[in-house]
Amino acid sequence: MRTYQELFRTPEFSPLLSATAAHMAAQTISRMAIGTLVHDATGSPFLTALSMFGPLLAQIIGATFLLSATDRLPPRAATTGLALFFAAVTTVLALPGLSVATIFAILAVQGMLGSVGGGVRYGLLAEIVPAEGYLLGRSVLNMCAGTLQIFGYAVGAVLVNVLTPRGALLTGAALFVVAASVARTCLASRPPRAQGRPSVRETWRSNARLWASKPRRRVYLALWVPNGLVVGCESLFVSHAPRHAGLLFASAAVGMLAGDALAGRFLPPRWRDGLGAPPLLLLLATPYLIFALHPALPVALAAVTLASVGFSANLLLQERLMTMVPGELRGHAFGLHHSGMFTMQGVAAAVAGGIAQLTSPATAMTVMAAASAAVTLALTPGLRRPGPPAGAVPAGDVPSEAVPTGADAGRGTRGPAME
């Protein structure tokens, strides 16, 4: 699969994209509304950052206890049910009179169950598109998310001012209902990818199996830590520039969109192998160092846009991860990636908010960016493409050389996967 035309001819890709788009739009508008609501109530940079990204910390609870559900529930039913749940809790958040503690408790439950959603969604994508088309399909979903963030944060800012934050939250709840409706009516019914009931024991067993492989551990860490630390920078946009936070978020989305288009459609497999993720991860962090100089708004917007191109490193790392896991664990593997990434983002947002509370948002952003670059440099030697394994493959695991997906699929008879 080499072109967007081929991708959109794939049955069910468009419905999955539409459901994901509605879900992402709802999340973007709701996040902006919650951040504004908490900032107005408390005036605290720490609590504002925590309200927007801290609920992602609850993803670790889902990753610990619930991830076995990603492969053991019918994908359509799980996607529909989760969207309806988000609609319900977002409606509750719009109720007047809620204390800040109650808001955070609701967001924690939302984040915990949201850990299952990523695994279900991206596991389903791997079933809908052929293996060599996964990176292209994933990049389109990312581009959709980036586009919706560009408009979502702008629309969210307007809705917050016109309808108040609670009105914006109700708009988000309605969009979650749209996502549920599209999933229920347009996606085909599929059986679970794995047999058995979801359980804590199965979640722990599969987590241990995925984490036992050293190459997989390195890929997971590269997916989680540099990305999360930079999201800590983003969590301070409201505190750094309350009147221009929407522009900063939109600029980040523009950069993400450009990076996903480049990596998903125009970066040849040989370049993906040669370039790899580390240079892009460094690009993700280093432009934020300019915030140490308290740049003017145009310079800050340019730095954020350029940095966010580096988020495309995640596509290359996800492509490699898919070649490292067996089919029956694919949803769980992507769920673990999704949950770990969001958990790290929540941790980074809390750390960044704490540093900003003691110093300033600009100083905290600089510190988080420097930490992200340092982690990338430390991980780089372990992210080089490994040679053929010298020993036997652990039972139940699939070596990357045995699965013709992503860049490796491009070396087959069909030619490069995406050029």
Protein backbone atom coordinates (compact mmCIF):
# COMPACT_ATOMS: atom_id res chain seq x y z
CA MET A 1 0.00 0.00 0.00
CA ARG A 2 1.76 3.11 -1.28
CA THR A 3 -0.83 5.86 -1.73
CA TYR A 4 -3.65 7.58 0.09
CA GLN A 5 -6.00 6.46 -2.68
CA GLU A 6 -5.25 2.82 -1.93
CA LEU A 7 -5.67 3.46 1.78
CA PHE A 8 -9.10 5.07 1.45
CA ARG A 9 -10.26 2.28 -0.84
CA THR A 10 -9.69 -0.12 2.05
CA PRO A 11 -13.08 -1.09 3.52
CA GLU A 12 -13.78 0.36 6.98
CA PHE A 13 -10.79 2.68 7.07
CA SER A 14 -12.96 5.75 6.46
CA PRO A 15 -15.46 4.85 9.24
CA LEU A 16 -12.59 4.23 11.66
CA LEU A 17 -11.08 7.57 10.68
CA SER A 18 -14.43 9.34 11.13
CA ALA A 19 -15.05 7.83 14.57
CA THR A 20 -11.51 8.69 15.62
CA ALA A 21 -11.91 12.25 14.31
CA ALA A 22 -15.07 12.84 16.34
CA HIS A 23 -13.39 11.35 19.42
CA MET A 24 -10.29 13.54 19.01
CA ALA A 25 -12.35 16.69 18.44
CA ALA A 26 -14.32 15.97 21.60
CA GLN A 27 -11.14 15.43 23.62
CA THR A 28 -9.49 18.61 22.32
CA ILE A 29 -12.45 20.88 23.06
CA SER A 30 -13.04 19.25 26.45
CA ARG A 31 -9.38 19.54 27.45
CA MET A 32 -9.31 23.24 26.63
CA ALA A 33 -12.51 23.77 28.61
CA ILE A 34 -11.29 21.84 31.66
CA GLY A 35 -7.97 23.68 31.71
CA THR A 36 -9.74 27.03 31.55
CA LEU A 37 -12.26 26.00 34.22
CA VAL A 38 -9.55 24.93 36.66
CA HIS A 39 -7.33 27.93 35.89
CA ASP A 40 -10.23 30.31 36.53
CA ALA A 41 -11.06 28.55 39.80
CA THR A 42 -7.54 28.23 41.20
CA GLY A 43 -5.09 30.44 39.26
CA SER A 44 -2.52 27.68 39.75
CA PRO A 45 -0.17 26.68 36.91
CA PHE A 46 0.32 23.30 38.60
CA LEU A 47 -3.38 22.47 38.86
CA THR A 48 -4.08 23.82 35.37
CA ALA A 49 -1.41 21.59 33.82
CA LEU A 50 -2.58 18.67 35.93
CA SER A 51 -6.21 19.14 34.88
CA MET A 52 -5.33 19.07 31.18
CA PHE A 53 -2.77 16.28 31.19
CA GLY A 54 -2.69 14.83 34.70
CA PRO A 55 -5.65 12.48 34.13
CA LEU A 56 -3.38 10.66 31.74
CA LEU A 57 -1.56 9.47 34.86
CA ALA A 58 -4.54 7.18 35.44
CA GLN A 59 -3.57 5.34 32.26
CA ILE A 60 -1.05 3.42 34.34
CA ILE A 61 -3.92 1.91 36.36
CA GLY A 62 -5.59 0.74 33.18
CA ALA A 63 -2.30 -0.60 31.85
CA THR A 64 -1.84 -2.57 35.08
CA PHE A 65 -5.33 -4.03 35.42
CA LEU A 66 -7.40 -3.63 32.25
CA LEU A 67 -5.27 -4.01 29.11
CA SER A 68 -6.14 -7.66 28.52
CA ALA A 69 -9.56 -6.35 27.45
CA THR A 70 -8.08 -4.76 24.31
CA ASP A 71 -7.74 -8.14 22.56
CA ARG A 72 -10.56 -9.97 24.39
CA LEU A 73 -13.50 -7.66 23.63
CA PRO A 74 -15.23 -7.27 20.24
CA PRO A 75 -13.60 -4.12 18.78
CA ARG A 76 -16.82 -2.46 17.59
CA ALA A 77 -18.62 -2.93 20.90
CA ALA A 78 -15.58 -1.72 22.87
CA THR A 79 -15.14 1.37 20.68
CA THR A 80 -18.83 2.29 20.93
CA GLY A 81 -19.06 1.67 24.66
CA LEU A 82 -15.98 3.71 25.51
CA ALA A 83 -17.18 6.68 23.44
CA LEU A 84 -20.54 6.63 25.24
CA PHE A 85 -18.76 6.47 28.59
CA PHE A 86 -16.68 9.54 27.71
CA ALA A 87 -19.85 11.36 26.65
CA ALA A 88 -21.46 10.60 30.01
CA VAL A 89 -18.55 11.71 32.19
CA THR A 90 -17.94 14.84 30.10
CA THR A 91 -21.58 15.77 30.67
CA VAL A 92 -21.08 15.29 34.41
CA LEU A 93 -18.01 17.56 34.32
CA ALA A 94 -20.21 20.31 32.87
CA LEU A 95 -22.45 20.33 35.95
CA PRO A 96 -22.08 23.50 38.06
CA GLY A 97 -20.88 23.33 41.62
CA LEU A 98 -18.33 20.53 41.24
CA SER A 99 -15.29 20.93 43.46
CA VAL A 100 -11.81 20.75 41.97
CA ALA A 101 -11.24 17.48 43.84
CA THR A 102 -14.39 15.98 42.28
CA ILE A 103 -13.31 17.11 38.81
CA PHE A 104 -9.95 15.40 39.23
CA ALA A 105 -11.58 12.20 40.52
CA ILE A 106 -13.85 12.04 37.45
CA LEU A 107 -10.93 12.73 35.12
CA ALA A 108 -8.94 9.94 36.78
CA VAL A 109 -11.69 7.39 36.04
CA GLN A 110 -11.90 8.70 32.48
CA GLY A 111 -8.16 8.33 32.02
CA MET A 112 -8.13 4.82 33.50
CA LEU A 113 -10.73 3.47 31.07
CA GLY A 114 -9.21 5.47 28.24
CA SER A 115 -6.16 3.21 28.45
CA VAL A 116 -8.21 0.47 26.79
CA GLY A 117 -9.37 2.75 23.96
CA GLY A 118 -5.98 3.23 22.33
CA GLY A 119 -5.25 -0.48 22.21
CA VAL A 120 -8.67 -1.25 20.75
CA ARG A 121 -8.44 1.51 18.13
CA TYR A 122 -4.93 0.82 16.88
CA GLY A 123 -5.32 -2.94 17.12
CA LEU A 124 -8.40 -2.58 14.91
CA LEU A 125 -6.42 -0.46 12.46
CA ALA A 126 -3.93 -3.33 12.13
CA GLU A 127 -6.85 -5.62 11.21
CA ILE A 128 -8.42 -3.21 8.71
CA VAL A 129 -5.31 -2.30 6.70
CA PRO A 130 -2.70 -4.72 5.34
CA ALA A 131 0.50 -4.95 7.32
CA GLU A 132 2.56 -2.87 4.90
CA GLY A 133 -0.05 -0.12 5.08
CA TYR A 134 -0.04 0.29 8.85
CA LEU A 135 2.39 3.22 8.95
CA LEU A 136 0.46 5.06 6.23
CA GLY A 137 -2.84 4.43 8.00
CA ARG A 138 -1.43 5.43 11.38
CA SER A 139 0.04 8.59 9.91
CA VAL A 140 -3.36 9.55 8.47
CA LEU A 141 -4.96 9.08 11.89
CA ASN A 142 -2.23 11.26 13.39
CA MET A 143 -2.71 13.88 10.68
CA CYS A 144 -6.42 13.86 11.37
CA ALA A 145 -5.71 14.38 15.07
CA GLY A 146 -3.29 17.20 14.28
CA THR A 147 -5.77 18.94 12.00
CA LEU A 148 -8.51 18.63 14.58
CA GLN A 149 -6.21 20.06 17.23
CA ILE A 150 -5.51 23.06 15.01
CA PHE A 151 -9.23 23.75 14.71
CA GLY A 152 -10.24 22.12 18.00
CA TYR A 153 -8.17 24.38 20.24
CA ALA A 154 -9.23 27.42 18.24
CA VAL A 155 -12.88 26.39 18.33
CA GLY A 156 -12.49 25.38 21.97
CA ALA A 157 -11.18 28.84 22.84
CA VAL A 158 -14.15 30.43 21.06
CA LEU A 159 -16.63 28.09 22.75
CA VAL A 160 -15.07 28.76 26.15
CA ASN A 161 -15.58 32.51 25.62
CA VAL A 162 -19.00 32.31 23.95
CA LEU A 163 -20.62 29.36 25.76
CA THR A 164 -18.44 29.34 28.92
CA PRO A 165 -16.25 26.31 29.75
CA ARG A 166 -19.30 24.26 30.74
CA GLY A 167 -20.96 24.90 27.39
CA ALA A 168 -17.77 23.79 25.65
CA LEU A 169 -17.81 20.59 27.71
CA LEU A 170 -21.35 19.82 26.55
CA THR A 171 -20.19 20.30 22.97
CA GLY A 172 -17.44 17.76 23.64
CA ALA A 173 -19.97 15.31 25.07
CA ALA A 174 -22.10 15.60 21.93
CA LEU A 175 -19.07 14.83 19.75
CA PHE A 176 -18.35 11.70 21.80
CA VAL A 177 -21.91 10.56 21.01
CA VAL A 178 -21.20 11.14 17.31
CA ALA A 179 -18.07 8.96 17.59
CA ALA A 180 -20.09 6.18 19.22
CA SER A 181 -22.79 6.36 16.52
CA VAL A 182 -20.28 6.14 13.66
CA ALA A 183 -18.50 3.18 15.25
CA ARG A 184 -21.75 1.31 15.92
CA THR A 185 -23.30 1.81 12.49
CA CYS A 186 -20.29 1.78 10.13
CA LEU A 187 -17.77 -0.69 11.55
CA ALA A 188 -18.19 -4.41 10.99
CA SER A 189 -18.71 -6.77 13.87
CA ARG A 190 -15.52 -8.71 14.59
CA PRO A 191 -14.69 -11.35 17.16
CA PRO A 192 -12.03 -10.65 19.78
CA ARG A 193 -8.44 -11.18 18.65
CA ALA A 194 -7.65 -13.42 21.63
CA GLN A 195 -9.61 -16.05 23.51
CA GLY A 196 -10.59 -15.96 27.15
CA ARG A 197 -11.94 -13.37 29.53
CA PRO A 198 -10.24 -10.09 30.32
CA SER A 199 -8.56 -10.35 33.71
CA VAL A 200 -5.91 -8.74 35.85
CA ARG A 201 -3.86 -11.94 35.65
CA GLU A 202 -3.89 -11.93 31.83
CA THR A 203 -2.98 -8.24 31.81
CA TRP A 204 0.03 -8.84 34.06
CA ARG A 205 1.11 -11.93 32.13
CA SER A 206 0.97 -10.15 28.75
CA ASN A 207 2.69 -7.04 30.13
CA ALA A 208 5.51 -9.24 31.46
CA ARG A 209 5.78 -11.04 28.13
CA LEU A 210 6.03 -7.79 26.18
CA TRP A 211 8.48 -6.21 28.63
CA ALA A 212 10.74 -9.29 28.74
CA SER A 213 12.29 -8.45 25.36
CA LYS A 214 15.14 -5.94 25.64
CA PRO A 215 14.66 -4.51 22.12
CA ARG A 216 10.96 -3.97 22.85
CA ARG A 217 11.80 -2.28 26.15
CA ARG A 218 14.04 0.20 24.35
CA VAL A 219 11.35 0.99 21.79
CA TYR A 220 8.76 1.48 24.53
CA LEU A 221 11.05 3.83 26.46
CA ALA A 222 11.76 5.85 23.30
CA LEU A 223 8.01 6.07 22.65
CA TRP A 224 7.23 7.17 26.20
CA VAL A 225 9.91 9.35 27.73
CA PRO A 226 11.19 11.97 25.21
CA ASN A 227 7.65 12.50 23.92
CA GLY A 228 6.21 12.81 27.42
CA LEU A 229 8.78 15.35 28.59
CA VAL A 230 7.98 17.62 25.64
CA VAL A 231 4.26 17.31 26.35
CA GLY A 232 5.22 18.66 29.77
CA CYS A 233 6.30 21.80 27.91
CA GLU A 234 2.95 21.94 26.12
CA SER A 235 1.07 21.60 29.40
CA LEU A 236 2.41 25.04 30.37
CA PHE A 237 1.08 26.91 27.34
CA VAL A 238 -1.94 28.23 29.26
CA SER A 239 0.20 29.40 32.18
CA HIS A 240 2.95 30.80 29.93
CA ALA A 241 0.64 32.78 27.64
CA PRO A 242 -3.00 32.66 28.78
CA ARG A 243 -4.20 34.90 25.96
CA HIS A 244 -2.27 33.06 23.25
CA ALA A 245 -2.39 29.44 24.47
CA GLY A 246 -4.74 28.47 21.64
CA LEU A 247 -2.21 29.72 19.08
CA LEU A 248 0.59 27.75 20.73
CA PHE A 249 -1.48 24.56 20.77
CA ALA A 250 -2.51 25.12 17.15
CA SER A 251 1.13 25.65 16.13
CA ALA A 252 2.07 22.37 17.79
CA ALA A 253 -0.70 20.66 15.85
CA VAL A 254 0.54 22.18 12.57
CA GLY A 255 4.01 20.79 13.20
CA MET A 256 2.64 17.37 14.05
CA LEU A 257 0.59 17.38 10.86
CA ALA A 258 3.62 18.23 8.73
CA GLY A 259 5.78 15.59 10.41
CA ASP A 260 3.18 12.85 10.04
CA ALA A 261 2.68 13.67 6.36
CA LEU A 262 6.44 13.55 5.79
CA ALA A 263 7.07 10.29 7.64
CA GLY A 264 3.89 8.47 6.63
CA ARG A 265 3.75 9.23 2.93
CA PHE A 266 6.96 10.77 1.63
CA LEU A 267 9.81 9.23 3.63
CA PRO A 268 11.12 6.18 1.71
CA PRO A 269 11.78 2.99 3.69
CA ARG A 270 15.54 3.21 3.12
CA TRP A 271 15.52 6.69 4.65
CA ARG A 272 13.40 5.53 7.56
CA ASP A 273 15.95 2.80 8.25
CA GLY A 274 18.91 5.13 7.82
CA LEU A 275 17.50 8.21 9.56
CA GLY A 276 15.69 6.42 12.35
CA ALA A 277 13.84 7.98 15.24
CA PRO A 278 16.63 9.63 17.35
CA PRO A 279 17.24 12.69 15.13
CA LEU A 280 13.51 13.36 15.05
CA LEU A 281 13.31 12.98 18.83
CA LEU A 282 16.08 15.55 19.19
CA LEU A 283 14.19 17.87 16.87
CA LEU A 284 11.18 17.42 19.15
CA ALA A 285 13.04 18.83 22.15
CA THR A 286 15.71 21.30 21.12
CA PRO A 287 13.56 24.18 19.76
CA TYR A 288 11.94 24.52 23.20
CA LEU A 289 15.31 25.56 24.65
CA ILE A 290 14.71 29.01 23.17
CA PHE A 291 12.05 29.62 25.82
CA ALA A 292 14.94 30.28 28.22
CA LEU A 293 15.26 33.61 26.40
CA HIS A 294 11.54 34.47 26.79
CA PRO A 295 11.05 34.83 23.03
CA ALA A 296 8.45 37.04 21.41
CA LEU A 297 5.23 35.32 20.37
CA PRO A 298 6.12 34.85 16.65
CA VAL A 299 9.42 33.21 17.59
CA ALA A 300 7.71 31.01 20.18
CA LEU A 301 5.12 29.91 17.62
CA ALA A 302 7.84 29.05 15.08
CA ALA A 303 9.81 27.07 17.68
CA VAL A 304 6.76 25.08 18.75
CA THR A 305 5.83 24.33 15.12
CA LEU A 306 9.34 23.15 14.24
CA ALA A 307 9.66 21.05 17.39
CA SER A 308 6.35 19.27 16.81
CA VAL A 309 7.56 17.90 13.47
CA GLY A 310 9.67 15.60 15.67
CA PHE A 311 6.57 13.82 16.96
CA SER A 312 6.73 11.83 13.70
CA ALA A 313 9.49 9.77 15.35
CA ASN A 314 6.66 7.91 17.05
CA LEU A 315 5.46 6.57 13.69
CA LEU A 316 8.83 5.00 12.98
CA LEU A 317 8.96 3.51 16.46
CA GLN A 318 5.40 2.16 16.23
CA GLU A 319 6.21 0.56 12.91
CA ARG A 320 9.14 -1.21 14.51
CA LEU A 321 7.05 -2.23 17.52
CA MET A 322 4.46 -3.88 15.26
CA THR A 323 7.17 -6.11 13.80
CA MET A 324 8.14 -7.23 17.31
CA VAL A 325 4.83 -8.60 18.63
CA PRO A 326 2.64 -11.60 17.74
CA GLY A 327 -0.80 -10.94 16.27
CA GLU A 328 -2.78 -12.03 19.33
CA LEU A 329 -0.94 -9.45 21.45
CA ARG A 330 -1.08 -6.58 18.98
CA GLY A 331 -3.92 -4.70 20.64
CA HIS A 332 -2.33 -5.22 24.05
CA ALA A 333 1.06 -4.05 22.76
CA PHE A 334 -0.38 -0.85 21.31
CA GLY A 335 -2.49 -0.39 24.42
CA LEU A 336 0.67 -0.61 26.53
CA HIS A 337 2.34 1.94 24.26
CA HIS A 338 -0.73 4.20 24.43
CA SER A 339 -1.07 3.93 28.22
CA GLY A 340 2.65 4.31 28.92
CA MET A 341 2.88 7.32 26.63
CA PHE A 342 -0.06 9.08 28.26
CA THR A 343 1.10 8.15 31.75
CA MET A 344 4.48 9.68 31.02
CA GLN A 345 2.77 12.77 29.63
CA GLY A 346 0.79 13.06 32.85
CA VAL A 347 3.92 12.65 34.97
CA ALA A 348 5.75 15.23 32.88
CA ALA A 349 2.83 17.67 33.11
CA ALA A 350 2.84 17.33 36.90
CA VAL A 351 6.63 17.79 37.08
CA ALA A 352 6.55 20.74 34.67
CA GLY A 353 3.72 22.35 36.62
CA GLY A 354 5.65 21.92 39.86
CA ILE A 355 8.80 23.46 38.42
CA ALA A 356 6.76 26.33 36.99
CA GLN A 357 5.16 26.90 40.37
CA LEU A 358 8.61 27.32 41.93
CA THR A 359 10.26 29.22 39.06
CA SER A 360 8.37 30.26 35.91
CA PRO A 361 6.64 28.49 33.00
CA ALA A 362 9.47 29.50 30.61
CA THR A 363 12.12 28.04 32.92
CA ALA A 364 10.14 24.83 33.37
CA MET A 365 9.73 24.41 29.61
CA THR A 366 13.47 24.80 29.13
CA VAL A 367 14.25 22.22 31.81
CA MET A 368 11.80 19.68 30.34
CA ALA A 369 13.20 20.15 26.83
CA ALA A 370 16.76 19.65 28.02
CA ALA A 371 15.75 16.49 29.88
CA SER A 372 14.03 15.13 26.75
CA ALA A 373 17.14 15.68 24.63
CA ALA A 374 19.33 14.02 27.27
CA VAL A 375 17.09 10.94 27.42
CA THR A 376 17.12 10.64 23.63
CA LEU A 377 20.92 10.73 23.54
CA ALA A 378 21.05 8.04 26.23
CA LEU A 379 18.63 5.77 24.32
CA THR A 380 20.14 6.26 20.86
CA PRO A 381 22.76 3.44 20.96
CA GLY A 382 20.08 0.88 21.82
CA LEU A 383 17.76 2.00 19.01
CA ARG A 384 20.07 1.06 16.18
CA ARG A 385 18.60 -1.59 13.91
CA PRO A 386 19.55 -4.99 15.35
CA GLY A 387 21.00 -7.74 13.24
CA PRO A 388 19.48 -11.24 12.98
CA PRO A 389 19.06 -12.84 16.42
CA ALA A 390 21.84 -15.19 17.36
CA GLY A 391 19.72 -17.41 19.58
CA ALA A 392 16.30 -18.93 19.59
CA VAL A 393 13.17 -16.83 19.76
CA PRO A 394 11.37 -16.89 23.13
CA ALA A 395 8.28 -19.05 23.08
CA GLY A 396 5.26 -17.25 21.72
CA ASP A 397 7.19 -14.25 20.44
CA VAL A 398 7.65 -13.27 16.83
CA PRO A 399 10.99 -11.84 15.72
CA SER A 400 10.96 -8.70 13.64
CA GLU A 401 12.54 -10.52 10.71
CA ALA A 402 9.61 -12.95 10.56
CA VAL A 403 6.84 -10.38 10.10
CA PRO A 404 6.79 -8.60 6.72
CA THR A 405 5.37 -5.30 7.89
CA GLY A 406 6.25 -1.66 7.56
CA ALA A 407 9.68 -0.98 6.15
CA ASP A 408 10.53 -4.67 5.84
CA ALA A 409 7.45 -5.25 3.68
CA GLY A 410 8.76 -2.59 1.32
CA ARG A 411 11.67 -4.86 0.40
CA GLY A 412 9.36 -7.51 -1.05
CA THR A 413 8.15 -7.94 -4.59
CA ARG A 414 5.73 -5.02 -4.38
CA GLY A 415 8.52 -2.48 -4.00
CA PRO A 416 8.78 0.29 -1.41
CA ALA A 417 5.75 0.50 0.84
CA MET A 418 5.43 4.29 0.89
CA GLU A 419 7.37 6.64 -1.27
